[in-house]
């Protein structure tokens, strides 16, 4: 299935945020755009077929957004994220709505929830 919605998250410093997403969470930078060198960046990052936009442009959106990622195995994500040493998070937990979830906060306070549906 093709992703039809791409969330946009505001970051205040790409030099800090990009390594968090790429080295810490395993995203790759698909492309980035600046109107001129030294200007704010707008970029697309993808992890396992799920893309997000990160923007330094203050007018695009506010910091403190939230994105919910459905993943096949949230516990595997947690172990991989922790192994990088860049991501601090509590272990995944089961929810009343029959998912197992892991919440991570990026350097700007954006909340990223990784979730796996529980059987039954």
PDB file of N, CA and C in Angstrom:
ATOM      1  N   UNK A   1       0.835  -1.178   0.000  1.00  0.00           N
ATOM      2  CA  UNK A   1       0.000   0.000   0.000  1.00  0.00           C
ATOM      3  C   UNK A   1       0.885   1.249   0.000  1.00  0.00           C
ATOM      4  N   UNK A   2       0.517   2.220  -0.763  1.00  0.00           N
ATOM      5  CA  UNK A   2       1.247   3.476  -0.830  1.00  0.00           C
ATOM      6  C   UNK A   2       0.818   4.373   0.326  1.00  0.00           C
ATOM      7  N   UNK A   3       1.785   4.984   0.977  1.00  0.00           N
ATOM      8  CA  UNK A   3       1.480   5.933   2.047  1.00  0.00           C
ATOM      9  C   UNK A   3       0.784   7.138   1.432  1.00  0.00           C
ATOM     10  N   UNK A   4      -0.353   7.534   1.989  1.00  0.00           N
ATOM     11  CA  UNK A   4      -1.115   8.627   1.407  1.00  0.00           C
ATOM     12  C   UNK A   4      -1.069   9.908   2.233  1.00  0.00           C
ATOM     13  N   UNK A   5      -0.563   9.843   3.459  1.00  0.00           N
ATOM     14  CA  UNK A   5      -0.420  11.014   4.314  1.00  0.00           C
ATOM     15  C   UNK A   5       1.008  11.040   4.838  1.00  0.00           C
ATOM     16  N   UNK A   6       1.649  12.211   4.769  1.00  0.00           N
ATOM     17  CA  UNK A   6       3.006  12.340   5.289  1.00  0.00           C
ATOM     18  C   UNK A   6       2.987  13.392   6.400  1.00  0.00           C
ATOM     19  N   UNK A   7       3.215  12.976   7.653  1.00  0.00           N
ATOM     20  CA  UNK A   7       3.245  13.927   8.754  1.00  0.00           C
ATOM     21  C   UNK A   7       4.429  14.887   8.625  1.00  0.00           C
ATOM     22  N   UNK A   8       4.220  16.114   9.086  1.00  0.00           N
ATOM     23  CA  UNK A   8       5.276  17.126   9.096  1.00  0.00           C
ATOM     24  C   UNK A   8       5.589  17.462  10.543  1.00  0.00           C
ATOM     25  N   UNK A   9       6.853  17.354  10.918  1.00  0.00           N
ATOM     26  CA  UNK A   9       7.291  17.703  12.264  1.00  0.00           C
ATOM     27  C   UNK A   9       8.260  18.871  12.197  1.00  0.00           C
ATOM     28  N   UNK A  10       8.091  19.820  13.082  1.00  0.00           N
ATOM     29  CA  UNK A  10       8.976  20.981  13.159  1.00  0.00           C
ATOM     30  C   UNK A  10      10.161  20.619  14.031  1.00  0.00           C
ATOM     31  N   UNK A  11      11.359  20.893  13.525  1.00  0.00           N
ATOM     32  CA  UNK A  11      12.596  20.751  14.282  1.00  0.00           C
ATOM     33  C   UNK A  11      13.280  22.113  14.308  1.00  0.00           C
ATOM     34  N   UNK A  12      13.990  22.383  15.382  1.00  0.00           N
ATOM     35  CA  UNK A  12      14.628  23.693  15.501  1.00  0.00           C
ATOM     36  C   UNK A  12      16.093  23.687  15.093  1.00  0.00           C
ATOM     37  N   UNK A  13      16.689  22.488  15.026  1.00  0.00           N
ATOM     38  CA  UNK A  13      18.091  22.399  14.657  1.00  0.00           C
ATOM     39  C   UNK A  13      18.332  21.059  13.960  1.00  0.00           C
ATOM     40  N   UNK A  14      18.375  21.079  12.639  1.00  0.00           N
ATOM     41  CA  UNK A  14      18.552  19.838  11.866  1.00  0.00           C
ATOM     42  C   UNK A  14      19.855  19.132  12.202  1.00  0.00           C
ATOM     43  N   UNK A  15      20.878  19.879  12.582  1.00  0.00           N
ATOM     44  CA  UNK A  15      22.172  19.263  12.922  1.00  0.00           C
ATOM     45  C   UNK A  15      22.046  18.352  14.142  1.00  0.00           C
ATOM     46  N   UNK A  16      21.077  18.610  14.999  1.00  0.00           N
ATOM     47  CA  UNK A  16      20.828  17.751  16.162  1.00  0.00           C
ATOM     48  C   UNK A  16      19.760  16.714  15.833  1.00  0.00           C
ATOM     49  N   UNK A  17      18.696  17.141  15.169  1.00  0.00           N
ATOM     50  CA  UNK A  17      17.561  16.250  14.912  1.00  0.00           C
ATOM     51  C   UNK A  17      17.857  15.157  13.896  1.00  0.00           C
ATOM     52  N   UNK A  18      18.543  15.478  12.812  1.00  0.00           N
ATOM     53  CA  UNK A  18      18.791  14.469  11.780  1.00  0.00           C
ATOM     54  C   UNK A  18      19.551  13.261  12.325  1.00  0.00           C
ATOM     55  N   UNK A  19      20.640  13.434  13.096  1.00  0.00           N
ATOM     56  CA  UNK A  19      21.309  12.255  13.651  1.00  0.00           C
ATOM     57  C   UNK A  19      20.411  11.446  14.597  1.00  0.00           C
ATOM     58  N   UNK A  20      19.544  12.114  15.340  1.00  0.00           N
ATOM     59  CA  UNK A  20      18.612  11.402  16.207  1.00  0.00           C
ATOM     60  C   UNK A  20      17.739  10.470  15.365  1.00  0.00           C
ATOM     61  N   UNK A  21      17.202  10.989  14.275  1.00  0.00           N
ATOM     62  CA  UNK A  21      16.321  10.196  13.417  1.00  0.00           C
ATOM     63  C   UNK A  21      17.091   9.146  12.605  1.00  0.00           C
ATOM     64  N   UNK A  22      18.250   9.501  12.070  1.00  0.00           N
ATOM     65  CA  UNK A  22      18.968   8.558  11.209  1.00  0.00           C
ATOM     66  C   UNK A  22      19.772   7.541  12.010  1.00  0.00           C
ATOM     67  N   UNK A  23      20.607   8.013  12.910  1.00  0.00           N
ATOM     68  CA  UNK A  23      21.463   7.100  13.685  1.00  0.00           C
ATOM     69  C   UNK A  23      20.718   6.440  14.836  1.00  0.00           C
ATOM     70  N   UNK A  24      19.763   7.155  15.429  1.00  0.00           N
ATOM     71  CA  UNK A  24      19.039   6.625  16.576  1.00  0.00           C
ATOM     72  C   UNK A  24      17.836   5.775  16.227  1.00  0.00           C
ATOM     73  N   UNK A  25      17.076   6.213  15.216  1.00  0.00           N
ATOM     74  CA  UNK A  25      15.831   5.514  14.890  1.00  0.00           C
ATOM     75  C   UNK A  25      15.874   4.762  13.564  1.00  0.00           C
ATOM     76  N   UNK A  26      16.943   4.885  12.803  1.00  0.00           N
ATOM     77  CA  UNK A  26      17.078   4.122  11.569  1.00  0.00           C
ATOM     78  C   UNK A  26      16.399   4.701  10.348  1.00  0.00           C
ATOM     79  N   UNK A  27      16.037   5.989  10.383  1.00  0.00           N
ATOM     80  CA  UNK A  27      15.487   6.636   9.199  1.00  0.00           C
ATOM     81  C   UNK A  27      16.619   6.942   8.218  1.00  0.00           C
ATOM     82  N   UNK A  28      16.281   7.065   6.955  1.00  0.00           N
ATOM     83  CA  UNK A  28      17.228   7.555   5.954  1.00  0.00           C
ATOM     84  C   UNK A  28      16.690   8.875   5.413  1.00  0.00           C
ATOM     85  N   UNK A  29      17.604   9.760   5.071  1.00  0.00           N
ATOM     86  CA  UNK A  29      17.201  11.035   4.474  1.00  0.00           C
ATOM     87  C   UNK A  29      17.025  10.785   2.984  1.00  0.00           C
ATOM     88  N   UNK A  30      15.788  10.896   2.504  1.00  0.00           N
ATOM     89  CA  UNK A  30      15.495  10.694   1.089  1.00  0.00           C
ATOM     90  C   UNK A  30      15.938  11.903   0.270  1.00  0.00           C
ATOM     91  N   UNK A  31      15.636  13.076   0.789  1.00  0.00           N
ATOM     92  CA  UNK A  31      16.034  14.315   0.133  1.00  0.00           C
ATOM     93  C   UNK A  31      15.886  15.458   1.132  1.00  0.00           C
ATOM     94  N   UNK A  32      16.597  16.530   0.872  1.00  0.00           N
ATOM     95  CA  UNK A  32      16.428  17.743   1.659  1.00  0.00           C
ATOM     96  C   UNK A  32      16.530  18.943   0.735  1.00  0.00           C
ATOM     97  N   UNK A  33      15.839  20.009   1.108  1.00  0.00           N
ATOM     98  CA  UNK A  33      15.810  21.198   0.272  1.00  0.00           C
ATOM     99  C   UNK A  33      16.004  22.444   1.129  1.00  0.00           C
ATOM    100  N   UNK A  34      16.819  23.358   0.629  1.00  0.00           N
ATOM    101  CA  UNK A  34      17.011  24.682   1.213  1.00  0.00           C
ATOM    102  C   UNK A  34      16.893  25.674   0.066  1.00  0.00           C
ATOM    103  N   UNK A  35      16.237  26.801   0.292  1.00  0.00           N
ATOM    104  CA  UNK A  35      16.125  27.824  -0.755  1.00  0.00           C
ATOM    105  C   UNK A  35      17.505  28.330  -1.160  1.00  0.00           C
ATOM    106  N   UNK A  36      18.389  28.453  -0.178  1.00  0.00           N
ATOM    107  CA  UNK A  36      19.779  28.864  -0.397  1.00  0.00           C
ATOM    108  C   UNK A  36      20.613  28.248   0.712  1.00  0.00           C
ATOM    109  N   UNK A  37      21.933  28.131   0.516  1.00  0.00           N
ATOM    110  CA  UNK A  37      22.784  27.623   1.602  1.00  0.00           C
ATOM    111  C   UNK A  37      22.586  28.442   2.876  1.00  0.00           C
ATOM    112  N   UNK A  38      22.509  27.759   4.009  1.00  0.00           N
ATOM    113  CA  UNK A  38      22.335  28.429   5.284  1.00  0.00           C
ATOM    114  C   UNK A  38      20.887  28.697   5.652  1.00  0.00           C
ATOM    115  N   UNK A  39      19.955  28.473   4.725  1.00  0.00           N
ATOM    116  CA  UNK A  39      18.534  28.680   5.007  1.00  0.00           C
ATOM    117  C   UNK A  39      17.974  27.442   5.715  1.00  0.00           C
ATOM    118  N   UNK A  40      16.775  27.551   6.309  1.00  0.00           N
ATOM    119  CA  UNK A  40      16.160  26.384   6.958  1.00  0.00           C
ATOM    120  C   UNK A  40      15.957  25.232   5.965  1.00  0.00           C
ATOM    121  N   UNK A  41      15.986  24.019   6.504  1.00  0.00           N
ATOM    122  CA  UNK A  41      15.855  22.827   5.678  1.00  0.00           C
ATOM    123  C   UNK A  41      14.441  22.261   5.759  1.00  0.00           C
ATOM    124  N   UNK A  42      14.016  21.655   4.673  1.00  0.00           N
ATOM    125  CA  UNK A  42      12.793  20.856   4.606  1.00  0.00           C
ATOM    126  C   UNK A  42      13.234  19.522   4.017  1.00  0.00           C
ATOM    127  N   UNK A  43      12.933  18.410   4.689  1.00  0.00           N
ATOM    128  CA  UNK A  43      13.457  17.122   4.246  1.00  0.00           C
ATOM    129  C   UNK A  43      12.440  16.011   4.420  1.00  0.00           C
ATOM    130  N   UNK A  44      12.621  14.960   3.614  1.00  0.00           N
ATOM    131  CA  UNK A  44      11.835  13.736   3.780  1.00  0.00           C
ATOM    132  C   UNK A  44      12.747  12.648   4.309  1.00  0.00           C
ATOM    133  N   UNK A  45      12.298  11.969   5.354  1.00  0.00           N
ATOM    134  CA  UNK A  45      13.012  10.842   5.930  1.00  0.00           C
ATOM    135  C   UNK A  45      12.095   9.625   5.907  1.00  0.00           C
ATOM    136  N   UNK A  46      12.670   8.433   5.696  1.00  0.00           N
ATOM    137  CA  UNK A  46      11.861   7.216   5.618  1.00  0.00           C
ATOM    138  C   UNK A  46      12.503   6.110   6.435  1.00  0.00           C
ATOM    139  N   UNK A  47      11.640   5.338   7.102  1.00  0.00           N
ATOM    140  CA  UNK A  47      12.067   4.150   7.860  1.00  0.00           C
ATOM    141  C   UNK A  47      11.069   3.045   7.555  1.00  0.00           C
ATOM    142  N   UNK A  48      11.551   1.948   7.020  1.00  0.00           N
ATOM    143  CA  UNK A  48      10.691   0.791   6.719  1.00  0.00           C
ATOM    144  C   UNK A  48       9.419   1.177   5.965  1.00  0.00           C
ATOM    145  N   UNK A  49       9.587   2.017   4.948  1.00  0.00           N
ATOM    146  CA  UNK A  49       8.465   2.381   4.085  1.00  0.00           C
ATOM    147  C   UNK A  49       7.531   3.447   4.639  1.00  0.00           C
ATOM    148  N   UNK A  50       7.836   4.001   5.808  1.00  0.00           N
ATOM    149  CA  UNK A  50       7.014   5.052   6.405  1.00  0.00           C
ATOM    150  C   UNK A  50       7.801   6.353   6.387  1.00  0.00           C
ATOM    151  N   UNK A  51       7.245   7.372   5.719  1.00  0.00           N
ATOM    152  CA  UNK A  51       7.939   8.643   5.541  1.00  0.00           C
ATOM    153  C   UNK A  51       7.373   9.744   6.426  1.00  0.00           C
ATOM    154  N   UNK A  52       8.244  10.662   6.796  1.00  0.00           N
ATOM    155  CA  UNK A  52       7.868  11.878   7.501  1.00  0.00           C
ATOM    156  C   UNK A  52       8.626  13.033   6.863  1.00  0.00           C
ATOM    157  N   UNK A  53       8.098  14.239   7.038  1.00  0.00           N
ATOM    158  CA  UNK A  53       8.821  15.441   6.665  1.00  0.00           C
ATOM    159  C   UNK A  53       9.324  16.090   7.947  1.00  0.00           C
ATOM    160  N   UNK A  54      10.553  16.577   7.924  1.00  0.00           N
ATOM    161  CA  UNK A  54      11.084  17.403   9.003  1.00  0.00           C
ATOM    162  C   UNK A  54      11.352  18.779   8.424  1.00  0.00           C
ATOM    163  N   UNK A  55      10.929  19.816   9.141  1.00  0.00           N
ATOM    164  CA  UNK A  55      11.109  21.173   8.655  1.00  0.00           C
ATOM    165  C   UNK A  55      11.668  22.083   9.739  1.00  0.00           C
ATOM    166  N   UNK A  56      12.597  22.930   9.347  1.00  0.00           N
ATOM    167  CA  UNK A  56      13.088  23.981  10.234  1.00  0.00           C
ATOM    168  C   UNK A  56      12.318  25.286  10.020  1.00  0.00           C
ATOM    169  N   UNK A  57      11.438  25.324   9.041  1.00  0.00           N
ATOM    170  CA  UNK A  57      10.673  26.537   8.732  1.00  0.00           C
ATOM    171  C   UNK A  57       9.633  26.788   9.822  1.00  0.00           C
ATOM    172  N   UNK A  58       9.755  27.907  10.524  1.00  0.00           N
ATOM    173  CA  UNK A  58       8.867  28.219  11.643  1.00  0.00           C
ATOM    174  C   UNK A  58       7.406  28.322  11.217  1.00  0.00           C
ATOM    175  N   UNK A  59       7.128  28.729   9.991  1.00  0.00           N
ATOM    176  CA  UNK A  59       5.751  28.890   9.535  1.00  0.00           C
ATOM    177  C   UNK A  59       5.064  27.609   9.110  1.00  0.00           C
ATOM    178  N   UNK A  60       5.793  26.505   9.008  1.00  0.00           N
ATOM    179  CA  UNK A  60       5.185  25.251   8.548  1.00  0.00           C
ATOM    180  C   UNK A  60       4.298  24.601   9.604  1.00  0.00           C
ATOM    181  N   UNK A  61       4.759  24.562  10.848  1.00  0.00           N
ATOM    182  CA  UNK A  61       4.004  23.979  11.952  1.00  0.00           C
ATOM    183  C   UNK A  61       4.751  24.278  13.247  1.00  0.00           C
ATOM    184  N   UNK A  62       4.152  23.903  14.349  1.00  0.00           N
ATOM    185  CA  UNK A  62       4.755  24.151  15.659  1.00  0.00           C
ATOM    186  C   UNK A  62       5.511  22.913  16.141  1.00  0.00           C
ATOM    187  N   UNK A  63       6.481  23.108  17.019  1.00  0.00           N
ATOM    188  CA  UNK A  63       7.133  21.973  17.661  1.00  0.00           C
ATOM    189  C   UNK A  63       6.134  21.319  18.608  1.00  0.00           C
ATOM    190  N   UNK A  64       6.395  20.081  18.952  1.00  0.00           N
ATOM    191  CA  UNK A  64       5.520  19.374  19.868  1.00  0.00           C
ATOM    192  C   UNK A  64       4.452  18.553  19.173  1.00  0.00           C
ATOM    193  N   UNK A  65       4.687  18.148  17.926  1.00  0.00           N
ATOM    194  CA  UNK A  65       3.742  17.320  17.196  1.00  0.00           C
ATOM    195  C   UNK A  65       3.805  15.870  17.650  1.00  0.00           C
ATOM    196  N   UNK A  66       2.986  15.043  17.017  1.00  0.00           N
ATOM    197  CA  UNK A  66       2.949  13.627  17.351  1.00  0.00           C
ATOM    198  C   UNK A  66       2.706  12.808  16.090  1.00  0.00           C
ATOM    199  N   UNK A  67       3.387  11.668  16.005  1.00  0.00           N
ATOM    200  CA  UNK A  67       3.215  10.744  14.883  1.00  0.00           C
ATOM    201  C   UNK A  67       3.076   9.332  15.460  1.00  0.00           C
ATOM    202  N   UNK A  68       2.186   8.548  14.870  1.00  0.00           N
ATOM    203  CA  UNK A  68       1.903   7.186  15.309  1.00  0.00           C
ATOM    204  C   UNK A  68       2.311   6.235  14.185  1.00  0.00           C
ATOM    205  N   UNK A  69       3.306   5.394  14.449  1.00  0.00           N
ATOM    206  CA  UNK A  69       3.809   4.440  13.454  1.00  0.00           C
ATOM    207  C   UNK A  69       3.324   3.036  13.802  1.00  0.00           C
ATOM    208  N   UNK A  70       2.671   2.374  12.867  1.00  0.00           N
ATOM    209  CA  UNK A  70       2.326   0.966  13.041  1.00  0.00           C
ATOM    210  C   UNK A  70       3.516   0.145  12.533  1.00  0.00           C
ATOM    211  N   UNK A  71       4.046  -0.718  13.386  1.00  0.00           N
ATOM    212  CA  UNK A  71       5.221  -1.522  13.046  1.00  0.00           C
ATOM    213  C   UNK A  71       4.926  -2.994  13.344  1.00  0.00           C
ATOM    214  N   UNK A  72       5.627  -3.910  12.666  1.00  0.00           N
ATOM    215  CA  UNK A  72       5.357  -5.334  12.879  1.00  0.00           C
ATOM    216  C   UNK A  72       5.778  -5.843  14.261  1.00  0.00           C
ATOM    217  N   UNK A  73       6.854  -5.285  14.840  1.00  0.00           N
ATOM    218  CA  UNK A  73       7.381  -5.806  16.108  1.00  0.00           C
ATOM    219  C   UNK A  73       7.989  -4.670  16.932  1.00  0.00           C
ATOM    220  N   UNK A  74       7.178  -4.080  17.776  1.00  0.00           N
ATOM    221  CA  UNK A  74       7.626  -2.917  18.544  1.00  0.00           C
ATOM    222  C   UNK A  74       8.776  -3.261  19.497  1.00  0.00           C
ATOM    223  N   UNK A  75       8.810  -4.470  20.027  1.00  0.00           N
ATOM    224  CA  UNK A  75       9.915  -4.837  20.928  1.00  0.00           C
ATOM    225  C   UNK A  75      11.247  -4.876  20.186  1.00  0.00           C
ATOM    226  N   UNK A  76      11.228  -5.310  18.936  1.00  0.00           N
ATOM    227  CA  UNK A  76      12.446  -5.279  18.122  1.00  0.00           C
ATOM    228  C   UNK A  76      12.889  -3.842  17.871  1.00  0.00           C
ATOM    229  N   UNK A  77      11.939  -2.951  17.605  1.00  0.00           N
ATOM    230  CA  UNK A  77      12.269  -1.529  17.442  1.00  0.00           C
ATOM    231  C   UNK A  77      12.935  -1.000  18.698  1.00  0.00           C
ATOM    232  N   UNK A  78      12.349  -1.305  19.840  1.00  0.00           N
ATOM    233  CA  UNK A  78      12.897  -0.825  21.118  1.00  0.00           C
ATOM    234  C   UNK A  78      14.347  -1.283  21.296  1.00  0.00           C
ATOM    235  N   UNK A  79      14.602  -2.569  21.068  1.00  0.00           N
ATOM    236  CA  UNK A  79      15.976  -3.086  21.226  1.00  0.00           C
ATOM    237  C   UNK A  79      16.934  -2.394  20.256  1.00  0.00           C
ATOM    238  N   UNK A  80      16.509  -2.216  19.014  1.00  0.00           N
ATOM    239  CA  UNK A  80      17.370  -1.559  18.019  1.00  0.00           C
ATOM    240  C   UNK A  80      17.628  -0.102  18.393  1.00  0.00           C
ATOM    241  N   UNK A  81      16.595   0.607  18.836  1.00  0.00           N
ATOM    242  CA  UNK A  81      16.755   2.010  19.217  1.00  0.00           C
ATOM    243  C   UNK A  81      17.692   2.140  20.418  1.00  0.00           C
ATOM    244  N   UNK A  82      17.520   1.275  21.410  1.00  0.00           N
ATOM    245  CA  UNK A  82      18.360   1.331  22.610  1.00  0.00           C
ATOM    246  C   UNK A  82      19.823   1.010  22.292  1.00  0.00           C
ATOM    247  N   UNK A  83      20.041   0.104  21.340  1.00  0.00           N
ATOM    248  CA  UNK A  83      21.407  -0.294  20.978  1.00  0.00           C
ATOM    249  C   UNK A  83      22.217   0.862  20.400  1.00  0.00           C
ATOM    250  N   UNK A  84      21.546   1.863  19.854  1.00  0.00           N
ATOM    251  CA  UNK A  84      22.276   2.989  19.263  1.00  0.00           C
ATOM    252  C   UNK A  84      22.861   3.913  20.317  1.00  0.00           C
ATOM    253  N   UNK A  85      22.304   3.906  21.520  1.00  0.00           N
ATOM    254  CA  UNK A  85      22.755   4.806  22.566  1.00  0.00           C
ATOM    255  C   UNK A  85      22.269   6.236  22.396  1.00  0.00           C
ATOM    256  N   UNK A  86      21.481   6.517  21.366  1.00  0.00           N
ATOM    257  CA  UNK A  86      20.989   7.877  21.096  1.00  0.00           C
ATOM    258  C   UNK A  86      19.553   8.100  21.553  1.00  0.00           C
ATOM    259  N   UNK A  87      18.841   7.007  21.841  1.00  0.00           N
ATOM    260  CA  UNK A  87      17.414   7.103  22.133  1.00  0.00           C
ATOM    261  C   UNK A  87      17.159   6.651  23.567  1.00  0.00           C
ATOM    262  N   UNK A  88      16.480   7.499  24.313  1.00  0.00           N
ATOM    263  CA  UNK A  88      16.095   7.161  25.681  1.00  0.00           C
ATOM    264  C   UNK A  88      14.580   6.967  25.691  1.00  0.00           C
ATOM    265  N   UNK A  89      14.154   5.791  26.156  1.00  0.00           N
ATOM    266  CA  UNK A  89      12.718   5.510  26.197  1.00  0.00           C
ATOM    267  C   UNK A  89      12.449   4.403  27.197  1.00  0.00           C
ATOM    268  N   UNK A  90      11.263   4.434  27.771  1.00  0.00           N
ATOM    269  CA  UNK A  90      10.819   3.324  28.606  1.00  0.00           C
ATOM    270  C   UNK A  90      10.475   2.151  27.698  1.00  0.00           C
ATOM    271  N   UNK A  91      10.539   0.931  28.212  1.00  0.00           N
ATOM    272  CA  UNK A  91      10.191  -0.234  27.389  1.00  0.00           C
ATOM    273  C   UNK A  91       8.748  -0.168  26.900  1.00  0.00           C
ATOM    274  N   UNK A  92       8.443  -0.889  25.817  1.00  0.00           N
ATOM    275  CA  UNK A  92       7.065  -0.937  25.320  1.00  0.00           C
ATOM    276  C   UNK A  92       6.115  -1.470  26.391  1.00  0.00           C
ATOM    277  N   UNK A  93       4.847  -1.082  26.274  1.00  0.00           N
ATOM    278  CA  UNK A  93       3.825  -1.526  27.219  1.00  0.00           C
ATOM    279  C   UNK A  93       2.547  -1.868  26.451  1.00  0.00           C
ATOM    280  N   UNK A  94       1.745  -2.747  27.047  1.00  0.00           N
ATOM    281  CA  UNK A  94       0.458  -3.111  26.458  1.00  0.00           C
ATOM    282  C   UNK A  94      -0.575  -2.055  26.827  1.00  0.00           C
ATOM    283  N   UNK A  95      -1.490  -1.793  25.896  1.00  0.00           N
ATOM    284  CA  UNK A  95      -2.534  -0.799  26.124  1.00  0.00           C
ATOM    285  C   UNK A  95      -3.901  -1.469  26.248  1.00  0.00           C
ATOM    286  N   UNK A  96      -4.874  -0.713  26.741  1.00  0.00           N
ATOM    287  CA  UNK A  96      -6.242  -1.214  26.852  1.00  0.00           C
ATOM    288  C   UNK A  96      -6.880  -1.414  25.481  1.00  0.00           C
ATOM    289  N   UNK A  97      -6.323  -0.757  24.438  1.00  0.00           N
ATOM    290  CA  UNK A  97      -6.887  -0.869  23.078  1.00  0.00           C
ATOM    291  C   UNK A  97      -6.175  -1.936  22.252  1.00  0.00           C
ATOM    292  N   UNK A  98      -5.523  -2.878  22.945  1.00  0.00           N
ATOM    293  CA  UNK A  98      -4.936  -4.085  22.354  1.00  0.00           C
ATOM    294  C   UNK A  98      -3.780  -3.804  21.388  1.00  0.00           C
ATOM    295  N   UNK A  99      -2.911  -2.898  21.815  1.00  0.00           N
ATOM    296  CA  UNK A  99      -1.658  -2.666  21.106  1.00  0.00           C
ATOM    297  C   UNK A  99      -0.528  -2.727  22.121  1.00  0.00           C
ATOM    298  N   UNK A 100       0.661  -2.868  21.617  1.00  0.00           N
ATOM    299  CA  UNK A 100       1.879  -2.764  22.432  1.00  0.00           C
ATOM    300  C   UNK A 100       2.597  -1.540  21.888  1.00  0.00           C
ATOM    301  N   UNK A 101       2.889  -0.564  22.755  1.00  0.00           N
ATOM    302  CA  UNK A 101       3.391   0.714  22.283  1.00  0.00           C
ATOM    303  C   UNK A 101       4.670   1.160  22.976  1.00  0.00           C
ATOM    304  N   UNK A 102       5.407   1.927  22.207  1.00  0.00           N
ATOM    305  CA  UNK A 102       6.650   2.539  22.655  1.00  0.00           C
ATOM    306  C   UNK A 102       6.580   4.008  22.273  1.00  0.00           C
ATOM    307  N   UNK A 103       6.775   4.889  23.244  1.00  0.00           N
ATOM    308  CA  UNK A 103       6.761   6.315  22.925  1.00  0.00           C
ATOM    309  C   UNK A 103       8.154   6.906  23.118  1.00  0.00           C
ATOM    310  N   UNK A 104       8.568   7.676  22.123  1.00  0.00           N
ATOM    311  CA  UNK A 104       9.874   8.328  22.114  1.00  0.00           C
ATOM    312  C   UNK A 104       9.642   9.817  21.882  1.00  0.00           C
ATOM    313  N   UNK A 105      10.432  10.641  22.531  1.00  0.00           N
ATOM    314  CA  UNK A 105      10.354  12.084  22.333  1.00  0.00           C
ATOM    315  C   UNK A 105      11.642  12.530  21.659  1.00  0.00           C
ATOM    316  N   UNK A 106      11.510  13.263  20.547  1.00  0.00           N
ATOM    317  CA  UNK A 106      12.709  13.720  19.830  1.00  0.00           C
ATOM    318  C   UNK A 106      13.296  14.950  20.522  1.00  0.00           C
ATOM    319  N   UNK A 107      14.449  15.443  20.054  1.00  0.00           N
ATOM    320  CA  UNK A 107      15.098  16.579  20.723  1.00  0.00           C
ATOM    321  C   UNK A 107      14.245  17.849  20.805  1.00  0.00           C
ATOM    322  N   UNK A 108      13.208  17.966  19.984  1.00  0.00           N
ATOM    323  CA  UNK A 108      12.345  19.145  20.012  1.00  0.00           C
ATOM    324  C   UNK A 108      11.039  18.926  20.770  1.00  0.00           C
ATOM    325  N   UNK A 109      10.835  17.746  21.299  1.00  0.00           N
ATOM    326  CA  UNK A 109       9.613  17.476  22.037  1.00  0.00           C
ATOM    327  C   UNK A 109       8.501  16.867  21.203  1.00  0.00           C
ATOM    328  N   UNK A 110       8.769  16.532  19.949  1.00  0.00           N
ATOM    329  CA  UNK A 110       7.795  15.814  19.132  1.00  0.00           C
ATOM    330  C   UNK A 110       7.693  14.386  19.661  1.00  0.00           C
ATOM    331  N   UNK A 111       6.456  13.856  19.761  1.00  0.00           N
ATOM    332  CA  UNK A 111       6.237  12.508  20.284  1.00  0.00           C
ATOM    333  C   UNK A 111       6.070  11.525  19.135  1.00  0.00           C
ATOM    334  N   UNK A 112       6.840  10.452  19.189  1.00  0.00           N
ATOM    335  CA  UNK A 112       6.780   9.391  18.190  1.00  0.00           C
ATOM    336  C   UNK A 112       6.331   8.121  18.903  1.00  0.00           C
ATOM    337  N   UNK A 113       5.193   7.580  18.505  1.00  0.00           N
ATOM    338  CA  UNK A 113       4.702   6.339  19.099  1.00  0.00           C
ATOM    339  C   UNK A 113       4.834   5.237  18.071  1.00  0.00           C
ATOM    340  N   UNK A 114       5.477   4.147  18.469  1.00  0.00           N
ATOM    341  CA  UNK A 114       5.620   2.961  17.623  1.00  0.00           C
ATOM    342  C   UNK A 114       4.712   1.907  18.247  1.00  0.00           C
ATOM    343  N   UNK A 115       3.858   1.298  17.414  1.00  0.00           N
ATOM    344  CA  UNK A 115       2.800   0.427  17.929  1.00  0.00           C
ATOM    345  C   UNK A 115       2.665  -0.855  17.120  1.00  0.00           C
ATOM    346  N   UNK A 116       2.389  -1.946  17.825  1.00  0.00           N
ATOM    347  CA  UNK A 116       2.114  -3.237  17.219  1.00  0.00           C
ATOM    348  C   UNK A 116       0.788  -3.741  17.771  1.00  0.00           C
ATOM    349  N   UNK A 117      -0.103  -4.215  16.890  1.00  0.00           N
ATOM    350  CA  UNK A 117      -1.369  -4.777  17.341  1.00  0.00           C
ATOM    351  C   UNK A 117      -1.125  -6.100  18.062  1.00  0.00           C
ATOM    352  N   UNK A 118      -1.818  -6.298  19.157  1.00  0.00           N
ATOM    353  CA  UNK A 118      -1.737  -7.553  19.886  1.00  0.00           C
ATOM    354  C   UNK A 118      -2.772  -8.531  19.343  1.00  0.00           C
ATOM    355  N   UNK A 119      -2.419  -9.790  19.308  1.00  0.00           N
ATOM    356  CA  UNK A 119      -3.350 -10.813  18.826  1.00  0.00           C
ATOM    357  C   UNK A 119      -4.488 -10.979  19.820  1.00  0.00           C
ATOM    358  N   UNK A 120      -5.679 -11.208  19.280  1.00  0.00           N
ATOM    359  CA  UNK A 120      -6.836 -11.524  20.122  1.00  0.00           C
ATOM    360  C   UNK A 120      -7.464 -10.337  20.644  1.00  0.00           C
TER     361      UNK A 120
END
